[in-house]
């Protein structure tokens, strides 16, 4: 499995419906609440998942 960190050039999101059903931006606060289990709107991957570690790294850098 590979994981990447990237920086967006704009806040515009164009969703390819053949690949994704939905895409949204979240603030650090919203993501931090989700990591603490305090969000019904956003679920984060479990601790064993690479995505969890990428999200945590992004939060810690903030």
PDB file of N, CA and C in Angstrom:
ATOM      1  N   UNK A   1       0.839  -1.173   0.000  1.00  0.00           N
ATOM      2  CA  UNK A   1       0.000   0.000   0.000  1.00  0.00           C
ATOM      3  C   UNK A   1       0.886   1.239   0.000  1.00  0.00           C
ATOM      4  N   UNK A   2       0.450   2.236  -0.740  1.00  0.00           N
ATOM      5  CA  UNK A   2       1.164   3.504  -0.813  1.00  0.00           C
ATOM      6  C   UNK A   2       0.289   4.608  -0.240  1.00  0.00           C
ATOM      7  N   UNK A   3       0.913   5.582   0.372  1.00  0.00           N
ATOM      8  CA  UNK A   3       0.202   6.746   0.875  1.00  0.00           C
ATOM      9  C   UNK A   3       0.952   7.999   0.480  1.00  0.00           C
ATOM     10  N   UNK A   4       0.225   9.035   0.158  1.00  0.00           N
ATOM     11  CA  UNK A   4       0.846  10.267  -0.309  1.00  0.00           C
ATOM     12  C   UNK A   4       0.266  11.475   0.407  1.00  0.00           C
ATOM     13  N   UNK A   5       1.071  12.507   0.505  1.00  0.00           N
ATOM     14  CA  UNK A   5       0.629  13.802   1.009  1.00  0.00           C
ATOM     15  C   UNK A   5       0.790  14.789  -0.136  1.00  0.00           C
ATOM     16  N   UNK A   6      -0.236  15.605  -0.361  1.00  0.00           N
ATOM     17  CA  UNK A   6      -0.198  16.571  -1.456  1.00  0.00           C
ATOM     18  C   UNK A   6      -0.817  17.879  -0.978  1.00  0.00           C
ATOM     19  N   UNK A   7      -0.608  18.916  -1.746  1.00  0.00           N
ATOM     20  CA  UNK A   7      -1.192  20.215  -1.434  1.00  0.00           C
ATOM     21  C   UNK A   7      -2.051  20.648  -2.612  1.00  0.00           C
ATOM     22  N   UNK A   8      -3.285  21.046  -2.334  1.00  0.00           N
ATOM     23  CA  UNK A   8      -4.208  21.481  -3.381  1.00  0.00           C
ATOM     24  C   UNK A   8      -3.845  22.881  -3.860  1.00  0.00           C
ATOM     25  N   UNK A   9      -4.071  23.130  -5.126  1.00  0.00           N
ATOM     26  CA  UNK A   9      -3.815  24.451  -5.697  1.00  0.00           C
ATOM     27  C   UNK A   9      -5.016  25.385  -5.532  1.00  0.00           C
ATOM     28  N   UNK A  10      -6.198  24.804  -5.298  1.00  0.00           N
ATOM     29  CA  UNK A  10      -7.399  25.611  -5.065  1.00  0.00           C
ATOM     30  C   UNK A  10      -8.350  24.811  -4.178  1.00  0.00           C
ATOM     31  N   UNK A  11      -9.426  25.455  -3.765  1.00  0.00           N
ATOM     32  CA  UNK A  11     -10.424  24.776  -2.941  1.00  0.00           C
ATOM     33  C   UNK A  11     -11.531  24.150  -3.780  1.00  0.00           C
ATOM     34  N   UNK A  12     -11.464  24.327  -5.097  1.00  0.00           N
ATOM     35  CA  UNK A  12     -12.467  23.747  -5.987  1.00  0.00           C
ATOM     36  C   UNK A  12     -12.286  22.230  -6.048  1.00  0.00           C
ATOM     37  N   UNK A  13     -13.390  21.509  -5.958  1.00  0.00           N
ATOM     38  CA  UNK A  13     -13.365  20.053  -6.059  1.00  0.00           C
ATOM     39  C   UNK A  13     -14.194  19.644  -7.270  1.00  0.00           C
ATOM     40  N   UNK A  14     -13.601  18.854  -8.138  1.00  0.00           N
ATOM     41  CA  UNK A  14     -14.311  18.281  -9.276  1.00  0.00           C
ATOM     42  C   UNK A  14     -14.339  16.775  -9.056  1.00  0.00           C
ATOM     43  N   UNK A  15     -15.528  16.226  -8.864  1.00  0.00           N
ATOM     44  CA  UNK A  15     -15.674  14.806  -8.548  1.00  0.00           C
ATOM     45  C   UNK A  15     -15.926  14.011  -9.825  1.00  0.00           C
ATOM     46  N   UNK A  16     -15.084  13.022 -10.061  1.00  0.00           N
ATOM     47  CA  UNK A  16     -15.299  12.067 -11.150  1.00  0.00           C
ATOM     48  C   UNK A  16     -16.237  10.997 -10.599  1.00  0.00           C
ATOM     49  N   UNK A  17     -17.502  11.049 -10.968  1.00  0.00           N
ATOM     50  CA  UNK A  17     -18.520  10.161 -10.400  1.00  0.00           C
ATOM     51  C   UNK A  17     -18.278   8.686 -10.722  1.00  0.00           C
ATOM     52  N   UNK A  18     -17.397   8.384 -11.673  1.00  0.00           N
ATOM     53  CA  UNK A  18     -17.063   6.978 -11.919  1.00  0.00           C
ATOM     54  C   UNK A  18     -16.055   6.474 -10.896  1.00  0.00           C
ATOM     55  N   UNK A  19     -15.409   7.381 -10.168  1.00  0.00           N
ATOM     56  CA  UNK A  19     -14.397   7.021  -9.173  1.00  0.00           C
ATOM     57  C   UNK A  19     -14.869   7.263  -7.738  1.00  0.00           C
ATOM     58  N   UNK A  20     -15.551   8.393  -7.516  1.00  0.00           N
ATOM     59  CA  UNK A  20     -15.963   8.792  -6.166  1.00  0.00           C
ATOM     60  C   UNK A  20     -17.429   9.187  -6.144  1.00  0.00           C
ATOM     61  N   UNK A  21     -18.061   8.923  -5.022  1.00  0.00           N
ATOM     62  CA  UNK A  21     -19.447   9.341  -4.845  1.00  0.00           C
ATOM     63  C   UNK A  21     -19.522  10.766  -4.311  1.00  0.00           C
ATOM     64  N   UNK A  22     -18.553  11.144  -3.464  1.00  0.00           N
ATOM     65  CA  UNK A  22     -18.587  12.450  -2.808  1.00  0.00           C
ATOM     66  C   UNK A  22     -17.165  12.872  -2.454  1.00  0.00           C
ATOM     67  N   UNK A  23     -16.936  14.155  -2.382  1.00  0.00           N
ATOM     68  CA  UNK A  23     -15.647  14.702  -1.934  1.00  0.00           C
ATOM     69  C   UNK A  23     -15.918  16.050  -1.278  1.00  0.00           C
ATOM     70  N   UNK A  24     -15.280  16.280  -0.129  1.00  0.00           N
ATOM     71  CA  UNK A  24     -15.473  17.531   0.612  1.00  0.00           C
ATOM     72  C   UNK A  24     -14.182  17.911   1.308  1.00  0.00           C
ATOM     73  N   UNK A  25     -14.041  19.191   1.629  1.00  0.00           N
ATOM     74  CA  UNK A  25     -12.941  19.671   2.454  1.00  0.00           C
ATOM     75  C   UNK A  25     -13.407  19.702   3.903  1.00  0.00           C
ATOM     76  N   UNK A  26     -12.478  19.443   4.836  1.00  0.00           N
ATOM     77  CA  UNK A  26     -12.763  19.526   6.266  1.00  0.00           C
ATOM     78  C   UNK A  26     -11.689  20.378   6.925  1.00  0.00           C
ATOM     79  N   UNK A  27     -12.074  21.125   7.943  1.00  0.00           N
ATOM     80  CA  UNK A  27     -11.105  21.924   8.692  1.00  0.00           C
ATOM     81  C   UNK A  27     -10.325  21.014   9.636  1.00  0.00           C
ATOM     82  N   UNK A  28      -9.198  21.513  10.124  1.00  0.00           N
ATOM     83  CA  UNK A  28      -8.425  20.740  11.106  1.00  0.00           C
ATOM     84  C   UNK A  28      -9.268  20.441  12.341  1.00  0.00           C
ATOM     85  N   UNK A  29     -10.042  21.411  12.757  1.00  0.00           N
ATOM     86  CA  UNK A  29     -10.887  21.205  13.940  1.00  0.00           C
ATOM     87  C   UNK A  29     -11.899  20.082  13.706  1.00  0.00           C
ATOM     88  N   UNK A  30     -12.528  20.072  12.542  1.00  0.00           N
ATOM     89  CA  UNK A  30     -13.494  19.014  12.226  1.00  0.00           C
ATOM     90  C   UNK A  30     -12.826  17.641  12.213  1.00  0.00           C
ATOM     91  N   UNK A  31     -11.640  17.566  11.638  1.00  0.00           N
ATOM     92  CA  UNK A  31     -10.920  16.292  11.571  1.00  0.00           C
ATOM     93  C   UNK A  31     -10.456  15.873  12.962  1.00  0.00           C
ATOM     94  N   UNK A  32      -9.987  16.824  13.757  1.00  0.00           N
ATOM     95  CA  UNK A  32      -9.550  16.511  15.119  1.00  0.00           C
ATOM     96  C   UNK A  32     -10.713  15.960  15.937  1.00  0.00           C
ATOM     97  N   UNK A  33     -11.884  16.545  15.785  1.00  0.00           N
ATOM     98  CA  UNK A  33     -13.066  16.037  16.494  1.00  0.00           C
ATOM     99  C   UNK A  33     -13.392  14.620  16.047  1.00  0.00           C
ATOM    100  N   UNK A  34     -13.264  14.362  14.766  1.00  0.00           N
ATOM    101  CA  UNK A  34     -13.526  13.012  14.254  1.00  0.00           C
ATOM    102  C   UNK A  34     -12.509  12.021  14.805  1.00  0.00           C
ATOM    103  N   UNK A  35     -11.251  12.429  14.894  1.00  0.00           N
ATOM    104  CA  UNK A  35     -10.211  11.550  15.443  1.00  0.00           C
ATOM    105  C   UNK A  35     -10.496  11.232  16.908  1.00  0.00           C
ATOM    106  N   UNK A  36     -11.136  12.166  17.611  1.00  0.00           N
ATOM    107  CA  UNK A  36     -11.486  11.962  19.016  1.00  0.00           C
ATOM    108  C   UNK A  36     -12.830  11.248  19.182  1.00  0.00           C
ATOM    109  N   UNK A  37     -13.452  10.870  18.065  1.00  0.00           N
ATOM    110  CA  UNK A  37     -14.737  10.183  18.120  1.00  0.00           C
ATOM    111  C   UNK A  37     -15.905  11.084  18.433  1.00  0.00           C
ATOM    112  N   UNK A  38     -15.747  12.386  18.191  1.00  0.00           N
ATOM    113  CA  UNK A  38     -16.779  13.368  18.544  1.00  0.00           C
ATOM    114  C   UNK A  38     -17.545  13.895  17.336  1.00  0.00           C
ATOM    115  N   UNK A  39     -17.481  13.202  16.202  1.00  0.00           N
ATOM    116  CA  UNK A  39     -18.150  13.681  14.999  1.00  0.00           C
ATOM    117  C   UNK A  39     -19.055  12.597  14.434  1.00  0.00           C
ATOM    118  N   UNK A  40     -20.284  12.992  14.116  1.00  0.00           N
ATOM    119  CA  UNK A  40     -21.187  12.072  13.435  1.00  0.00           C
ATOM    120  C   UNK A  40     -21.086  12.241  11.924  1.00  0.00           C
ATOM    121  N   UNK A  41     -20.552  13.372  11.477  1.00  0.00           N
ATOM    122  CA  UNK A  41     -20.481  13.677  10.055  1.00  0.00           C
ATOM    123  C   UNK A  41     -19.263  13.071   9.371  1.00  0.00           C
ATOM    124  N   UNK A  42     -18.237  12.746  10.146  1.00  0.00           N
ATOM    125  CA  UNK A  42     -16.982  12.273   9.561  1.00  0.00           C
ATOM    126  C   UNK A  42     -16.434  11.117  10.376  1.00  0.00           C
ATOM    127  N   UNK A  43     -16.131  10.023   9.701  1.00  0.00           N
ATOM    128  CA  UNK A  43     -15.487   8.876  10.343  1.00  0.00           C
ATOM    129  C   UNK A  43     -14.074   8.763   9.796  1.00  0.00           C
ATOM    130  N   UNK A  44     -13.111   8.565  10.671  1.00  0.00           N
ATOM    131  CA  UNK A  44     -11.729   8.380  10.226  1.00  0.00           C
ATOM    132  C   UNK A  44     -11.393   6.891  10.237  1.00  0.00           C
ATOM    133  N   UNK A  45     -10.407   6.501   9.442  1.00  0.00           N
ATOM    134  CA  UNK A  45     -10.011   5.095   9.399  1.00  0.00           C
ATOM    135  C   UNK A  45      -9.431   4.641  10.743  1.00  0.00           C
ATOM    136  N   UNK A  46      -9.440   3.330  11.007  1.00  0.00           N
ATOM    137  CA  UNK A  46      -8.875   2.820  12.255  1.00  0.00           C
ATOM    138  C   UNK A  46      -7.364   3.039  12.333  1.00  0.00           C
ATOM    139  N   UNK A  47      -6.808   2.936  13.533  1.00  0.00           N
ATOM    140  CA  UNK A  47      -5.385   3.222  13.778  1.00  0.00           C
ATOM    141  C   UNK A  47      -4.425   2.368  12.956  1.00  0.00           C
ATOM    142  N   UNK A  48      -4.839   1.194  12.557  1.00  0.00           N
ATOM    143  CA  UNK A  48      -3.957   0.331  11.770  1.00  0.00           C
ATOM    144  C   UNK A  48      -3.865   0.760  10.306  1.00  0.00           C
ATOM    145  N   UNK A  49      -4.761   1.618   9.866  1.00  0.00           N
ATOM    146  CA  UNK A  49      -4.804   2.036   8.464  1.00  0.00           C
ATOM    147  C   UNK A  49      -3.774   3.124   8.170  1.00  0.00           C
ATOM    148  N   UNK A  50      -3.167   3.035   7.012  1.00  0.00           N
ATOM    149  CA  UNK A  50      -2.213   4.051   6.568  1.00  0.00           C
ATOM    150  C   UNK A  50      -2.872   5.430   6.540  1.00  0.00           C
ATOM    151  N   UNK A  51      -4.111   5.497   6.082  1.00  0.00           N
ATOM    152  CA  UNK A  51      -4.820   6.779   6.010  1.00  0.00           C
ATOM    153  C   UNK A  51      -4.926   7.439   7.383  1.00  0.00           C
ATOM    154  N   UNK A  52      -5.102   6.654   8.427  1.00  0.00           N
ATOM    155  CA  UNK A  52      -5.172   7.192   9.790  1.00  0.00           C
ATOM    156  C   UNK A  52      -3.867   7.917  10.135  1.00  0.00           C
ATOM    157  N   UNK A  53      -2.744   7.304   9.800  1.00  0.00           N
ATOM    158  CA  UNK A  53      -1.441   7.900  10.111  1.00  0.00           C
ATOM    159  C   UNK A  53      -1.180   9.155   9.284  1.00  0.00           C
ATOM    160  N   UNK A  54      -1.625   9.174   8.038  1.00  0.00           N
ATOM    161  CA  UNK A  54      -1.474  10.374   7.209  1.00  0.00           C
ATOM    162  C   UNK A  54      -2.320  11.517   7.773  1.00  0.00           C
ATOM    163  N   UNK A  55      -3.536  11.204   8.193  1.00  0.00           N
ATOM    164  CA  UNK A  55      -4.405  12.225   8.783  1.00  0.00           C
ATOM    165  C   UNK A  55      -3.805  12.742  10.082  1.00  0.00           C
ATOM    166  N   UNK A  56      -3.316  11.849  10.925  1.00  0.00           N
ATOM    167  CA  UNK A  56      -2.710  12.253  12.199  1.00  0.00           C
ATOM    168  C   UNK A  56      -1.489  13.139  11.965  1.00  0.00           C
ATOM    169  N   UNK A  57      -0.681  12.790  10.993  1.00  0.00           N
ATOM    170  CA  UNK A  57       0.498  13.605  10.674  1.00  0.00           C
ATOM    171  C   UNK A  57       0.076  15.013  10.245  1.00  0.00           C
ATOM    172  N   UNK A  58      -0.961  15.091   9.423  1.00  0.00           N
ATOM    173  CA  UNK A  58      -1.470  16.389   8.978  1.00  0.00           C
ATOM    174  C   UNK A  58      -1.974  17.199  10.172  1.00  0.00           C
ATOM    175  N   UNK A  59      -2.704  16.557  11.078  1.00  0.00           N
ATOM    176  CA  UNK A  59      -3.192  17.257  12.274  1.00  0.00           C
ATOM    177  C   UNK A  59      -2.040  17.735  13.145  1.00  0.00           C
ATOM    178  N   UNK A  60      -1.060  16.877  13.372  1.00  0.00           N
ATOM    179  CA  UNK A  60       0.076  17.222  14.230  1.00  0.00           C
ATOM    180  C   UNK A  60       0.915  18.362  13.654  1.00  0.00           C
ATOM    181  N   UNK A  61       0.909  18.511  12.330  1.00  0.00           N
ATOM    182  CA  UNK A  61       1.694  19.563  11.679  1.00  0.00           C
ATOM    183  C   UNK A  61       1.003  20.924  11.757  1.00  0.00           C
ATOM    184  N   UNK A  62      -0.283  20.923  12.120  1.00  0.00           N
ATOM    185  CA  UNK A  62      -1.101  22.114  12.050  1.00  0.00           C
ATOM    186  C   UNK A  62      -0.898  23.145  13.055  1.00  0.00           C
TER     187      UNK A  62
END
